[in-house]
């Protein structure tokens, strides 16, 4: 049975880091639900290639209703981590050991949620030091899977490996 994947997203996300994984998840039978501050808002990727209409607002969702969390990169995660509601939402998935799929700058939300300590992970080159300070064991690899829960990748070139490992985890 398909999983329900919470996807936290706002303006300036990295277009392909949302579209390619979301397409792969949907093709595999999973449901991708986008979440932002405002339901029905249209958010635009930083390359202006993609516009996404938000499915749900953060105040109306319960993390218990979802099987996994997907955090696309770009400037979106940095904006979201300034909002405690998104930080707490992400922390819930990490604490409950539910799958968390974060690419590129996505781990910034996990840094702010203080959930990377003692975990193997990767992220965009410019945030790897921040991840180390947050206690992560940072690996410079195209995809890192930690404890059958956390899947992280560095950049758009890593999307095929990210999708493969994310789907493997979601299909368990």
Protein backbone atom coordinates (compact mmCIF):
# COMPACT_ATOMS: atom_id res chain seq x y z
CA UNK A 1 0.00 0.00 0.00
CA UNK A 2 1.23 3.49 -0.84
CA UNK A 3 2.62 5.77 1.84
CA UNK A 4 1.39 9.29 2.60
CA UNK A 5 4.38 11.64 2.28
CA UNK A 6 4.35 15.08 3.90
CA UNK A 7 6.33 17.49 1.71
CA UNK A 8 7.33 20.81 3.28
CA UNK A 9 7.78 23.40 0.57
CA UNK A 10 7.83 27.16 0.02
CA UNK A 11 9.04 29.61 -2.61
CA UNK A 12 12.56 29.26 -4.05
CA UNK A 13 12.75 25.46 -3.73
CA UNK A 14 15.15 23.73 -6.12
CA UNK A 15 12.76 22.81 -8.97
CA UNK A 16 14.06 19.33 -9.91
CA UNK A 17 14.67 18.36 -6.28
CA UNK A 18 10.92 18.53 -5.82
CA UNK A 19 9.61 17.41 -9.22
CA UNK A 20 11.83 14.37 -9.88
CA UNK A 21 11.43 12.68 -6.46
CA UNK A 22 7.70 13.60 -6.25
CA UNK A 23 7.16 12.03 -9.68
CA UNK A 24 9.08 8.88 -8.66
CA UNK A 25 7.10 8.61 -5.40
CA UNK A 26 3.76 9.06 -7.18
CA UNK A 27 4.72 6.57 -9.91
CA UNK A 28 5.42 4.02 -7.16
CA UNK A 29 1.92 4.52 -5.74
CA UNK A 30 2.70 6.93 -2.91
CA UNK A 31 0.77 10.13 -2.14
CA UNK A 32 2.73 13.40 -2.02
CA UNK A 33 1.04 16.13 0.05
CA UNK A 34 2.61 19.61 -0.08
CA UNK A 35 2.53 21.68 3.12
CA UNK A 36 3.22 25.39 3.60
CA UNK A 37 1.84 28.23 5.75
CA UNK A 38 -1.15 28.67 3.45
CA UNK A 39 -3.31 26.06 1.67
CA UNK A 40 -3.92 26.84 -2.01
CA UNK A 41 -0.91 29.19 -2.22
CA UNK A 42 1.17 28.87 -5.38
CA UNK A 43 4.88 28.50 -4.66
CA UNK A 44 7.53 28.82 -7.35
CA UNK A 45 10.88 27.08 -7.72
CA UNK A 46 14.03 29.19 -7.81
CA UNK A 47 14.54 28.45 -11.52
CA UNK A 48 10.98 29.61 -12.28
CA UNK A 49 10.39 26.28 -14.04
CA UNK A 50 7.86 24.90 -11.59
CA UNK A 51 4.85 26.26 -9.72
CA UNK A 52 3.21 24.08 -7.08
CA UNK A 53 -0.19 24.65 -5.49
CA UNK A 54 0.02 23.85 -1.77
CA UNK A 55 -2.28 21.06 -0.57
CA UNK A 56 -2.37 21.78 3.17
CA UNK A 57 -1.44 24.46 5.69
CA UNK A 58 0.95 23.62 8.53
CA UNK A 59 -1.60 24.58 11.23
CA UNK A 60 -4.12 22.04 9.90
CA UNK A 61 -1.88 18.96 9.59
CA UNK A 62 -0.88 16.36 12.16
CA UNK A 63 2.44 14.58 11.58
CA UNK A 64 0.84 11.36 12.89
CA UNK A 65 -1.31 11.30 9.73
CA UNK A 66 1.77 10.84 7.50
CA UNK A 67 4.14 7.93 6.91
CA UNK A 68 7.19 9.94 5.78
CA UNK A 69 8.62 13.45 5.38
CA UNK A 70 10.19 14.80 2.19
CA UNK A 71 12.28 18.00 2.30
CA UNK A 72 13.37 19.31 -1.13
CA UNK A 73 16.34 21.69 -1.28
CA UNK A 74 16.91 25.19 -2.61
CA UNK A 75 16.18 28.20 -0.37
CA UNK A 76 12.89 26.68 0.82
CA UNK A 77 14.27 24.75 3.85
CA UNK A 78 16.17 27.80 5.11
CA UNK A 79 12.96 29.86 5.06
CA UNK A 80 10.92 27.09 6.68
CA UNK A 81 13.37 26.58 9.53
CA UNK A 82 12.70 30.13 10.72
CA UNK A 83 9.17 28.93 11.58
CA UNK A 84 8.88 26.79 14.73
CA UNK A 85 5.85 24.96 13.33
CA UNK A 86 7.92 23.43 10.52
CA UNK A 87 10.84 22.71 12.86
CA UNK A 88 8.56 20.86 15.27
CA UNK A 89 6.88 19.02 12.38
CA UNK A 90 10.25 17.76 11.08
CA UNK A 91 11.44 16.87 14.60
CA UNK A 92 8.36 14.67 15.09
CA UNK A 93 9.29 12.47 12.11
CA UNK A 94 12.88 12.11 13.31
CA UNK A 95 11.82 11.36 16.90
CA UNK A 96 9.20 8.83 15.79
CA UNK A 97 11.76 7.11 13.51
CA UNK A 98 9.58 7.64 10.42
CA UNK A 99 11.32 7.95 7.03
CA UNK A 100 12.80 11.40 6.37
CA UNK A 101 14.02 12.16 2.84
CA UNK A 102 16.09 15.35 2.60
CA UNK A 103 18.08 16.54 -0.39
CA UNK A 104 20.62 19.34 -0.86
CA UNK A 105 19.70 22.13 1.62
CA UNK A 106 16.86 20.00 3.06
CA UNK A 107 18.92 18.96 6.12
CA UNK A 108 18.93 22.62 7.26
CA UNK A 109 15.48 21.98 8.73
CA UNK A 110 16.88 18.95 10.59
CA UNK A 111 19.81 21.03 11.90
CA UNK A 112 17.38 23.54 13.42
CA UNK A 113 15.26 20.68 14.80
CA UNK A 114 18.46 19.40 16.50
CA UNK A 115 17.91 15.87 15.18
CA UNK A 116 21.16 15.09 13.34
CA UNK A 117 23.38 14.25 16.31
CA UNK A 118 24.99 10.83 15.91
CA UNK A 119 23.46 10.25 12.48
CA UNK A 120 25.19 9.63 9.16
CA UNK A 121 24.04 12.17 6.59
CA UNK A 122 25.04 14.38 3.69
CA UNK A 123 23.86 17.64 2.22
CA UNK A 124 24.86 20.46 -0.09
CA UNK A 125 28.58 21.30 0.20
CA UNK A 126 27.95 24.68 1.84
CA UNK A 127 25.93 23.18 4.73
CA UNK A 128 28.16 20.17 5.48
CA UNK A 129 30.11 22.08 8.16
CA UNK A 130 26.82 23.18 9.76
CA UNK A 131 25.73 19.55 9.76
CA UNK A 132 29.00 18.54 11.47
CA UNK A 133 28.45 21.21 14.15
CA UNK A 134 24.95 19.75 14.61
CA UNK A 135 26.59 16.42 15.45
CA UNK A 136 26.11 14.57 12.17
CA UNK A 137 28.68 12.15 10.79
CA UNK A 138 28.84 13.81 7.35
CA UNK A 139 29.68 11.63 4.36
CA UNK A 140 30.47 13.20 0.99
CA UNK A 141 28.53 10.62 -1.04
CA UNK A 142 25.65 10.86 -3.52
CA UNK A 143 23.25 9.24 -1.06
CA UNK A 144 23.54 8.35 2.62
CA UNK A 145 21.02 6.12 4.41
CA UNK A 146 21.07 6.15 8.21
CA UNK A 147 19.34 3.61 10.44
CA UNK A 148 16.72 2.73 7.83
CA UNK A 149 15.14 6.12 8.48
CA UNK A 150 17.06 9.06 7.07
CA UNK A 151 17.93 9.39 3.36
CA UNK A 152 20.04 12.41 2.37
CA UNK A 153 21.73 13.57 -0.84
CA UNK A 154 23.93 16.52 -1.86
CA UNK A 155 22.58 18.09 -5.06
CA UNK A 156 20.45 17.59 -8.21
CA UNK A 157 23.05 15.23 -9.74
CA UNK A 158 22.35 12.81 -6.87
CA UNK A 159 18.59 12.59 -7.55
CA UNK A 160 18.66 9.11 -9.20
CA UNK A 161 20.45 7.60 -6.18
CA UNK A 162 18.26 9.62 -3.77
CA UNK A 163 15.07 8.36 -5.45
CA UNK A 164 16.29 4.75 -5.48
CA UNK A 165 17.13 4.68 -1.74
CA UNK A 166 14.05 6.72 -0.78
CA UNK A 167 11.76 4.28 -2.63
CA UNK A 168 13.53 1.31 -1.10
CA UNK A 169 12.79 2.75 2.36
CA UNK A 170 9.20 3.74 1.52
CA UNK A 171 8.44 0.28 0.13
CA UNK A 172 9.49 -1.51 3.33
